[in-house]
């Protein structure tokens, strides 16, 4: 079976026929694991900055970086901005 067979369907897309801001993230992760890095970015542009955010979050929890909370806030704002902008571009 293909990895796509195990993916959770999007509630919004399934019920309202509208993509949500998270549509594409599972397929994007699948593409990364298959080595399709450019296709993963095209599928969900925030994928790499989200990975950086979560990796930094785990490291900050373990090591308590001095400016960790400010860096996390900046990464969070960056990710939200990318997600909103890419969503708006996708639906227009």
PDB file of N, CA and C in Angstrom:
ATOM      1  N   UNK A   1       0.830  -1.184   0.000  1.00  0.00           N
ATOM      2  CA  UNK A   1       0.000   0.000   0.000  1.00  0.00           C
ATOM      3  C   UNK A   1       0.881   1.256   0.000  1.00  0.00           C
ATOM      4  N   UNK A   2       0.406   2.275  -0.648  1.00  0.00           N
ATOM      5  CA  UNK A   2       1.126   3.539  -0.727  1.00  0.00           C
ATOM      6  C   UNK A   2       0.925   4.338   0.567  1.00  0.00           C
ATOM      7  N   UNK A   3       1.883   5.204   0.926  1.00  0.00           N
ATOM      8  CA  UNK A   3       1.730   6.027   2.133  1.00  0.00           C
ATOM      9  C   UNK A   3       0.456   6.872   2.119  1.00  0.00           C
ATOM     10  N   UNK A   4       0.006   7.266   0.936  1.00  0.00           N
ATOM     11  CA  UNK A   4      -1.195   8.090   0.825  1.00  0.00           C
ATOM     12  C   UNK A   4      -2.437   7.353   1.319  1.00  0.00           C
ATOM     13  N   UNK A   5      -2.388   6.021   1.310  1.00  0.00           N
ATOM     14  CA  UNK A   5      -3.533   5.232   1.770  1.00  0.00           C
ATOM     15  C   UNK A   5      -3.756   5.356   3.281  1.00  0.00           C
ATOM     16  N   UNK A   6      -2.725   5.790   4.019  1.00  0.00           N
ATOM     17  CA  UNK A   6      -2.814   5.897   5.469  1.00  0.00           C
ATOM     18  C   UNK A   6      -3.038   7.327   5.950  1.00  0.00           C
ATOM     19  N   UNK A   7      -3.169   8.264   5.045  1.00  0.00           N
ATOM     20  CA  UNK A   7      -3.301   9.665   5.432  1.00  0.00           C
ATOM     21  C   UNK A   7      -4.710   9.986   5.919  1.00  0.00           C
ATOM     22  N   UNK A   8      -4.776  10.883   6.879  1.00  0.00           N
ATOM     23  CA  UNK A   8      -6.050  11.319   7.431  1.00  0.00           C
ATOM     24  C   UNK A   8      -6.696  12.284   6.443  1.00  0.00           C
ATOM     25  N   UNK A   9      -7.957  12.064   6.073  1.00  0.00           N
ATOM     26  CA  UNK A   9      -8.607  12.996   5.145  1.00  0.00           C
ATOM     27  C   UNK A   9      -8.902  14.337   5.827  1.00  0.00           C
ATOM     28  N   UNK A  10      -8.866  15.390   5.051  1.00  0.00           N
ATOM     29  CA  UNK A  10      -9.148  16.731   5.561  1.00  0.00           C
ATOM     30  C   UNK A  10     -10.658  16.879   5.781  1.00  0.00           C
ATOM     31  N   UNK A  11     -11.037  17.235   7.003  1.00  0.00           N
ATOM     32  CA  UNK A  11     -12.443  17.412   7.343  1.00  0.00           C
ATOM     33  C   UNK A  11     -13.092  18.490   6.484  1.00  0.00           C
ATOM     34  N   UNK A  12     -12.409  19.635   6.340  1.00  0.00           N
ATOM     35  CA  UNK A  12     -12.975  20.759   5.576  1.00  0.00           C
ATOM     36  C   UNK A  12     -13.150  20.400   4.109  1.00  0.00           C
ATOM     37  N   UNK A  13     -12.107  19.795   3.538  1.00  0.00           N
ATOM     38  CA  UNK A  13     -12.172  19.440   2.119  1.00  0.00           C
ATOM     39  C   UNK A  13     -13.232  18.370   1.867  1.00  0.00           C
ATOM     40  N   UNK A  14     -13.339  17.427   2.780  1.00  0.00           N
ATOM     41  CA  UNK A  14     -14.291  16.334   2.634  1.00  0.00           C
ATOM     42  C   UNK A  14     -15.736  16.822   2.777  1.00  0.00           C
ATOM     43  N   UNK A  15     -15.989  17.680   3.750  1.00  0.00           N
ATOM     44  CA  UNK A  15     -17.364  18.091   4.049  1.00  0.00           C
ATOM     45  C   UNK A  15     -17.803  19.371   3.358  1.00  0.00           C
ATOM     46  N   UNK A  16     -16.878  20.300   3.128  1.00  0.00           N
ATOM     47  CA  UNK A  16     -17.255  21.589   2.558  1.00  0.00           C
ATOM     48  C   UNK A  16     -16.647  21.840   1.182  1.00  0.00           C
ATOM     49  N   UNK A  17     -15.811  20.897   0.715  1.00  0.00           N
ATOM     50  CA  UNK A  17     -15.131  21.025  -0.576  1.00  0.00           C
ATOM     51  C   UNK A  17     -14.254  22.280  -0.656  1.00  0.00           C
ATOM     52  N   UNK A  18     -13.678  22.640   0.489  1.00  0.00           N
ATOM     53  CA  UNK A  18     -12.771  23.794   0.590  1.00  0.00           C
ATOM     54  C   UNK A  18     -11.503  23.313   1.286  1.00  0.00           C
ATOM     55  N   UNK A  19     -10.353  23.640   0.720  1.00  0.00           N
ATOM     56  CA  UNK A  19      -9.102  23.267   1.378  1.00  0.00           C
ATOM     57  C   UNK A  19      -8.869  24.134   2.600  1.00  0.00           C
ATOM     58  N   UNK A  20      -8.291  23.551   3.640  1.00  0.00           N
ATOM     59  CA  UNK A  20      -7.964  24.306   4.840  1.00  0.00           C
ATOM     60  C   UNK A  20      -6.504  24.764   4.761  1.00  0.00           C
ATOM     61  N   UNK A  21      -6.059  25.502   5.775  1.00  0.00           N
ATOM     62  CA  UNK A  21      -4.675  26.008   5.778  1.00  0.00           C
ATOM     63  C   UNK A  21      -3.658  24.901   6.007  1.00  0.00           C
ATOM     64  N   UNK A  22      -4.109  23.742   6.446  1.00  0.00           N
ATOM     65  CA  UNK A  22      -3.196  22.628   6.678  1.00  0.00           C
ATOM     66  C   UNK A  22      -3.197  21.597   5.566  1.00  0.00           C
ATOM     67  N   UNK A  23      -4.063  21.787   4.566  1.00  0.00           N
ATOM     68  CA  UNK A  23      -4.137  20.826   3.465  1.00  0.00           C
ATOM     69  C   UNK A  23      -2.791  20.761   2.740  1.00  0.00           C
ATOM     70  N   UNK A  24      -2.289  19.569   2.628  1.00  0.00           N
ATOM     71  CA  UNK A  24      -1.033  19.355   1.925  1.00  0.00           C
ATOM     72  C   UNK A  24       0.124  19.012   2.832  1.00  0.00           C
ATOM     73  N   UNK A  25      -0.024  19.217   4.142  1.00  0.00           N
ATOM     74  CA  UNK A  25       1.117  18.983   5.026  1.00  0.00           C
ATOM     75  C   UNK A  25       1.478  17.500   5.115  1.00  0.00           C
ATOM     76  N   UNK A  26       0.478  16.613   5.149  1.00  0.00           N
ATOM     77  CA  UNK A  26       0.774  15.173   5.195  1.00  0.00           C
ATOM     78  C   UNK A  26       1.458  14.712   3.912  1.00  0.00           C
ATOM     79  N   UNK A  27       0.921  15.155   2.785  1.00  0.00           N
ATOM     80  CA  UNK A  27       1.526  14.771   1.502  1.00  0.00           C
ATOM     81  C   UNK A  27       2.925  15.357   1.382  1.00  0.00           C
ATOM     82  N   UNK A  28       3.115  16.562   1.912  1.00  0.00           N
ATOM     83  CA  UNK A  28       4.427  17.195   1.873  1.00  0.00           C
ATOM     84  C   UNK A  28       5.445  16.390   2.692  1.00  0.00           C
ATOM     85  N   UNK A  29       5.054  15.956   3.876  1.00  0.00           N
ATOM     86  CA  UNK A  29       5.942  15.115   4.684  1.00  0.00           C
ATOM     87  C   UNK A  29       6.245  13.799   3.981  1.00  0.00           C
ATOM     88  N   UNK A  30       5.242  13.231   3.347  1.00  0.00           N
ATOM     89  CA  UNK A  30       5.446  12.001   2.584  1.00  0.00           C
ATOM     90  C   UNK A  30       6.458  12.229   1.462  1.00  0.00           C
ATOM     91  N   UNK A  31       6.338  13.362   0.787  1.00  0.00           N
ATOM     92  CA  UNK A  31       7.280  13.679  -0.292  1.00  0.00           C
ATOM     93  C   UNK A  31       8.705  13.861   0.234  1.00  0.00           C
ATOM     94  N   UNK A  32       8.847  14.454   1.419  1.00  0.00           N
ATOM     95  CA  UNK A  32      10.180  14.602   2.016  1.00  0.00           C
ATOM     96  C   UNK A  32      10.788  13.222   2.274  1.00  0.00           C
ATOM     97  N   UNK A  33       9.999  12.308   2.836  1.00  0.00           N
ATOM     98  CA  UNK A  33      10.505  10.960   3.112  1.00  0.00           C
ATOM     99  C   UNK A  33      10.843  10.194   1.839  1.00  0.00           C
ATOM    100  N   UNK A  34      10.245  10.589   0.723  1.00  0.00           N
ATOM    101  CA  UNK A  34      10.557   9.974  -0.563  1.00  0.00           C
ATOM    102  C   UNK A  34      11.710  10.687  -1.268  1.00  0.00           C
ATOM    103  N   UNK A  35      12.235  11.753  -0.668  1.00  0.00           N
ATOM    104  CA  UNK A  35      13.350  12.489  -1.251  1.00  0.00           C
ATOM    105  C   UNK A  35      12.943  13.536  -2.274  1.00  0.00           C
ATOM    106  N   UNK A  36      11.666  13.838  -2.357  1.00  0.00           N
ATOM    107  CA  UNK A  36      11.152  14.846  -3.297  1.00  0.00           C
ATOM    108  C   UNK A  36      11.041  16.196  -2.585  1.00  0.00           C
ATOM    109  N   UNK A  37      12.189  16.845  -2.359  1.00  0.00           N
ATOM    110  CA  UNK A  37      12.228  18.040  -1.521  1.00  0.00           C
ATOM    111  C   UNK A  37      11.582  19.258  -2.172  1.00  0.00           C
ATOM    112  N   UNK A  38      11.774  19.443  -3.448  1.00  0.00           N
ATOM    113  CA  UNK A  38      11.162  20.583  -4.145  1.00  0.00           C
ATOM    114  C   UNK A  38       9.654  20.382  -4.243  1.00  0.00           C
ATOM    115  N   UNK A  39       9.238  19.168  -4.558  1.00  0.00           N
ATOM    116  CA  UNK A  39       7.800  18.870  -4.636  1.00  0.00           C
ATOM    117  C   UNK A  39       7.140  19.069  -3.270  1.00  0.00           C
ATOM    118  N   UNK A  40       7.855  18.737  -2.195  1.00  0.00           N
ATOM    119  CA  UNK A  40       7.322  18.933  -0.843  1.00  0.00           C
ATOM    120  C   UNK A  40       7.096  20.414  -0.567  1.00  0.00           C
ATOM    121  N   UNK A  41       8.035  21.242  -0.983  1.00  0.00           N
ATOM    122  CA  UNK A  41       7.888  22.690  -0.802  1.00  0.00           C
ATOM    123  C   UNK A  41       6.721  23.221  -1.621  1.00  0.00           C
ATOM    124  N   UNK A  42       6.595  22.743  -2.843  1.00  0.00           N
ATOM    125  CA  UNK A  42       5.483  23.192  -3.685  1.00  0.00           C
ATOM    126  C   UNK A  42       4.140  22.741  -3.122  1.00  0.00           C
ATOM    127  N   UNK A  43       4.103  21.587  -2.508  1.00  0.00           N
ATOM    128  CA  UNK A  43       2.866  21.065  -1.927  1.00  0.00           C
ATOM    129  C   UNK A  43       2.450  21.887  -0.706  1.00  0.00           C
ATOM    130  N   UNK A  44       3.424  22.233   0.151  1.00  0.00           N
ATOM    131  CA  UNK A  44       3.130  22.980   1.385  1.00  0.00           C
ATOM    132  C   UNK A  44       4.344  23.847   1.708  1.00  0.00           C
ATOM    133  N   UNK A  45       4.322  25.109   1.291  1.00  0.00           N
ATOM    134  CA  UNK A  45       5.503  25.976   1.412  1.00  0.00           C
ATOM    135  C   UNK A  45       6.060  26.156   2.828  1.00  0.00           C
ATOM    136  N   UNK A  46       5.257  25.981   3.841  1.00  0.00           N
ATOM    137  CA  UNK A  46       5.741  26.188   5.212  1.00  0.00           C
ATOM    138  C   UNK A  46       6.384  24.944   5.815  1.00  0.00           C
ATOM    139  N   UNK A  47       6.508  23.876   5.058  1.00  0.00           N
ATOM    140  CA  UNK A  47       6.956  22.611   5.623  1.00  0.00           C
ATOM    141  C   UNK A  47       8.348  22.703   6.259  1.00  0.00           C
ATOM    142  N   UNK A  48       9.278  23.354   5.596  1.00  0.00           N
ATOM    143  CA  UNK A  48      10.640  23.391   6.122  1.00  0.00           C
ATOM    144  C   UNK A  48      10.765  24.325   7.321  1.00  0.00           C
ATOM    145  N   UNK A  49      10.066  25.451   7.296  1.00  0.00           N
ATOM    146  CA  UNK A  49      10.118  26.348   8.449  1.00  0.00           C
ATOM    147  C   UNK A  49       9.379  25.725   9.643  1.00  0.00           C
ATOM    148  N   UNK A  50       8.354  24.917   9.392  1.00  0.00           N
ATOM    149  CA  UNK A  50       7.687  24.210  10.490  1.00  0.00           C
ATOM    150  C   UNK A  50       8.615  23.171  11.118  1.00  0.00           C
ATOM    151  N   UNK A  51       9.366  22.480  10.283  1.00  0.00           N
ATOM    152  CA  UNK A  51      10.331  21.498  10.802  1.00  0.00           C
ATOM    153  C   UNK A  51      11.380  22.209  11.657  1.00  0.00           C
ATOM    154  N   UNK A  52      11.871  23.345  11.167  1.00  0.00           N
ATOM    155  CA  UNK A  52      12.846  24.124  11.938  1.00  0.00           C
ATOM    156  C   UNK A  52      12.230  24.559  13.267  1.00  0.00           C
ATOM    157  N   UNK A  53      10.983  25.028  13.237  1.00  0.00           N
ATOM    158  CA  UNK A  53      10.302  25.463  14.450  1.00  0.00           C
ATOM    159  C   UNK A  53      10.218  24.327  15.467  1.00  0.00           C
ATOM    160  N   UNK A  54       9.766  23.156  15.044  1.00  0.00           N
ATOM    161  CA  UNK A  54       9.608  22.053  15.983  1.00  0.00           C
ATOM    162  C   UNK A  54      10.940  21.513  16.488  1.00  0.00           C
ATOM    163  N   UNK A  55      11.948  21.474  15.634  1.00  0.00           N
ATOM    164  CA  UNK A  55      13.274  21.034  16.081  1.00  0.00           C
ATOM    165  C   UNK A  55      13.832  22.023  17.101  1.00  0.00           C
ATOM    166  N   UNK A  56      13.701  23.320  16.814  1.00  0.00           N
ATOM    167  CA  UNK A  56      14.195  24.328  17.758  1.00  0.00           C
ATOM    168  C   UNK A  56      13.410  24.275  19.063  1.00  0.00           C
ATOM    169  N   UNK A  57      12.102  24.038  18.992  1.00  0.00           N
ATOM    170  CA  UNK A  57      11.279  23.938  20.198  1.00  0.00           C
ATOM    171  C   UNK A  57      11.769  22.796  21.099  1.00  0.00           C
ATOM    172  N   UNK A  58      12.019  21.644  20.505  1.00  0.00           N
ATOM    173  CA  UNK A  58      12.516  20.503  21.280  1.00  0.00           C
ATOM    174  C   UNK A  58      13.879  20.817  21.888  1.00  0.00           C
ATOM    175  N   UNK A  59      14.764  21.440  21.100  1.00  0.00           N
ATOM    176  CA  UNK A  59      16.089  21.791  21.622  1.00  0.00           C
ATOM    177  C   UNK A  59      15.990  22.836  22.734  1.00  0.00           C
ATOM    178  N   UNK A  60      15.096  23.787  22.571  1.00  0.00           N
ATOM    179  CA  UNK A  60      14.917  24.826  23.598  1.00  0.00           C
ATOM    180  C   UNK A  60      14.358  24.225  24.890  1.00  0.00           C
ATOM    181  N   UNK A  61      13.441  23.288  24.776  1.00  0.00           N
ATOM    182  CA  UNK A  61      12.902  22.634  25.974  1.00  0.00           C
ATOM    183  C   UNK A  61      14.019  21.891  26.710  1.00  0.00           C
ATOM    184  N   UNK A  62      14.912  21.262  25.954  1.00  0.00           N
ATOM    185  CA  UNK A  62      15.996  20.495  26.577  1.00  0.00           C
ATOM    186  C   UNK A  62      17.120  21.387  27.125  1.00  0.00           C
ATOM    187  N   UNK A  63      17.512  22.430  26.351  1.00  0.00           N
ATOM    188  CA  UNK A  63      18.698  23.199  26.715  1.00  0.00           C
ATOM    189  C   UNK A  63      18.416  24.613  27.241  1.00  0.00           C
ATOM    190  N   UNK A  64      17.172  25.084  27.176  1.00  0.00           N
ATOM    191  CA  UNK A  64      16.793  26.412  27.676  1.00  0.00           C
ATOM    192  C   UNK A  64      17.728  27.521  27.160  1.00  0.00           C
ATOM    193  N   UNK A  65      17.712  27.751  25.855  1.00  0.00           N
ATOM    194  CA  UNK A  65      18.524  28.799  25.253  1.00  0.00           C
ATOM    195  C   UNK A  65      18.135  30.156  25.816  1.00  0.00           C
ATOM    196  N   UNK A  66      19.106  31.045  25.941  1.00  0.00           N
ATOM    197  CA  UNK A  66      18.876  32.359  26.540  1.00  0.00           C
ATOM    198  C   UNK A  66      17.812  33.154  25.773  1.00  0.00           C
ATOM    199  N   UNK A  67      17.901  33.201  24.462  1.00  0.00           N
ATOM    200  CA  UNK A  67      16.939  33.934  23.636  1.00  0.00           C
ATOM    201  C   UNK A  67      15.955  32.990  22.938  1.00  0.00           C
ATOM    202  N   UNK A  68      15.806  31.800  23.481  1.00  0.00           N
ATOM    203  CA  UNK A  68      14.977  30.779  22.855  1.00  0.00           C
ATOM    204  C   UNK A  68      13.533  31.193  22.665  1.00  0.00           C
ATOM    205  N   UNK A  69      12.949  31.849  23.665  1.00  0.00           N
ATOM    206  CA  UNK A  69      11.535  32.228  23.544  1.00  0.00           C
ATOM    207  C   UNK A  69      11.335  33.283  22.462  1.00  0.00           C
ATOM    208  N   UNK A  70      12.283  34.187  22.311  1.00  0.00           N
ATOM    209  CA  UNK A  70      12.172  35.209  21.256  1.00  0.00           C
ATOM    210  C   UNK A  70      12.356  34.586  19.873  1.00  0.00           C
ATOM    211  N   UNK A  71      13.269  33.640  19.767  1.00  0.00           N
ATOM    212  CA  UNK A  71      13.477  32.958  18.495  1.00  0.00           C
ATOM    213  C   UNK A  71      12.241  32.133  18.142  1.00  0.00           C
ATOM    214  N   UNK A  72      11.665  31.458  19.134  1.00  0.00           N
ATOM    215  CA  UNK A  72      10.443  30.684  18.891  1.00  0.00           C
ATOM    216  C   UNK A  72       9.296  31.585  18.442  1.00  0.00           C
ATOM    217  N   UNK A  73       9.163  32.752  19.060  1.00  0.00           N
ATOM    218  CA  UNK A  73       8.115  33.691  18.666  1.00  0.00           C
ATOM    219  C   UNK A  73       8.319  34.135  17.220  1.00  0.00           C
ATOM    220  N   UNK A  74       9.561  34.452  16.855  1.00  0.00           N
ATOM    221  CA  UNK A  74       9.860  34.867  15.481  1.00  0.00           C
ATOM    222  C   UNK A  74       9.566  33.736  14.494  1.00  0.00           C
ATOM    223  N   UNK A  75       9.942  32.509  14.840  1.00  0.00           N
ATOM    224  CA  UNK A  75       9.663  31.365  13.970  1.00  0.00           C
ATOM    225  C   UNK A  75       8.161  31.116  13.854  1.00  0.00           C
ATOM    226  N   UNK A  76       7.443  31.294  14.953  1.00  0.00           N
ATOM    227  CA  UNK A  76       5.997  31.126  14.928  1.00  0.00           C
ATOM    228  C   UNK A  76       5.350  32.152  14.007  1.00  0.00           C
ATOM    229  N   UNK A  77       5.744  33.412  14.135  1.00  0.00           N
ATOM    230  CA  UNK A  77       5.196  34.475  13.280  1.00  0.00           C
ATOM    231  C   UNK A  77       5.537  34.209  11.818  1.00  0.00           C
ATOM    232  N   UNK A  78       6.765  33.786  11.559  1.00  0.00           N
ATOM    233  CA  UNK A  78       7.184  33.461  10.196  1.00  0.00           C
ATOM    234  C   UNK A  78       6.310  32.348   9.624  1.00  0.00           C
ATOM    235  N   UNK A  79       6.096  31.295  10.392  1.00  0.00           N
ATOM    236  CA  UNK A  79       5.294  30.164   9.917  1.00  0.00           C
ATOM    237  C   UNK A  79       3.849  30.549   9.677  1.00  0.00           C
ATOM    238  N   UNK A  80       3.256  31.286  10.591  1.00  0.00           N
ATOM    239  CA  UNK A  80       1.868  31.710  10.412  1.00  0.00           C
ATOM    240  C   UNK A  80       1.750  32.585   9.165  1.00  0.00           C
ATOM    241  N   UNK A  81       2.719  33.456   8.963  1.00  0.00           N
ATOM    242  CA  UNK A  81       2.710  34.327   7.777  1.00  0.00           C
ATOM    243  C   UNK A  81       2.795  33.508   6.494  1.00  0.00           C
ATOM    244  N   UNK A  82       3.712  32.562   6.450  1.00  0.00           N
ATOM    245  CA  UNK A  82       3.868  31.724   5.259  1.00  0.00           C
ATOM    246  C   UNK A  82       2.594  30.912   5.004  1.00  0.00           C
ATOM    247  N   UNK A  83       2.022  30.359   6.058  1.00  0.00           N
ATOM    248  CA  UNK A  83       0.814  29.542   5.905  1.00  0.00           C
ATOM    249  C   UNK A  83      -0.341  30.388   5.375  1.00  0.00           C
ATOM    250  N   UNK A  84      -0.540  31.568   5.939  1.00  0.00           N
ATOM    251  CA  UNK A  84      -1.646  32.417   5.502  1.00  0.00           C
ATOM    252  C   UNK A  84      -1.438  32.909   4.081  1.00  0.00           C
ATOM    253  N   UNK A  85      -0.239  33.369   3.772  1.00  0.00           N
ATOM    254  CA  UNK A  85       0.037  33.884   2.426  1.00  0.00           C
ATOM    255  C   UNK A  85      -0.105  32.771   1.381  1.00  0.00           C
ATOM    256  N   UNK A  86       0.447  31.602   1.653  1.00  0.00           N
ATOM    257  CA  UNK A  86       0.340  30.513   0.678  1.00  0.00           C
ATOM    258  C   UNK A  86      -1.092  30.038   0.537  1.00  0.00           C
ATOM    259  N   UNK A  87      -1.870  30.062   1.617  1.00  0.00           N
ATOM    260  CA  UNK A  87      -3.266  29.683   1.532  1.00  0.00           C
ATOM    261  C   UNK A  87      -4.048  30.691   0.659  1.00  0.00           C
ATOM    262  N   UNK A  88      -3.803  31.963   0.898  1.00  0.00           N
ATOM    263  CA  UNK A  88      -4.489  32.988   0.115  1.00  0.00           C
ATOM    264  C   UNK A  88      -4.121  32.882  -1.378  1.00  0.00           C
ATOM    265  N   UNK A  89      -2.865  32.596  -1.659  1.00  0.00           N
ATOM    266  CA  UNK A  89      -2.455  32.415  -3.056  1.00  0.00           C
ATOM    267  C   UNK A  89      -3.096  31.171  -3.663  1.00  0.00           C
ATOM    268  N   UNK A  90      -3.259  30.129  -2.846  1.00  0.00           N
ATOM    269  CA  UNK A  90      -3.840  28.878  -3.339  1.00  0.00           C
ATOM    270  C   UNK A  90      -5.327  29.035  -3.670  1.00  0.00           C
ATOM    271  N   UNK A  91      -6.058  29.794  -2.866  1.00  0.00           N
ATOM    272  CA  UNK A  91      -7.502  29.887  -3.084  1.00  0.00           C
ATOM    273  C   UNK A  91      -7.884  30.961  -4.087  1.00  0.00           C
ATOM    274  N   UNK A  92      -6.941  31.802  -4.483  1.00  0.00           N
ATOM    275  CA  UNK A  92      -7.277  32.843  -5.477  1.00  0.00           C
ATOM    276  C   UNK A  92      -6.938  32.388  -6.869  1.00  0.00           C
TER     277      UNK A  92
END
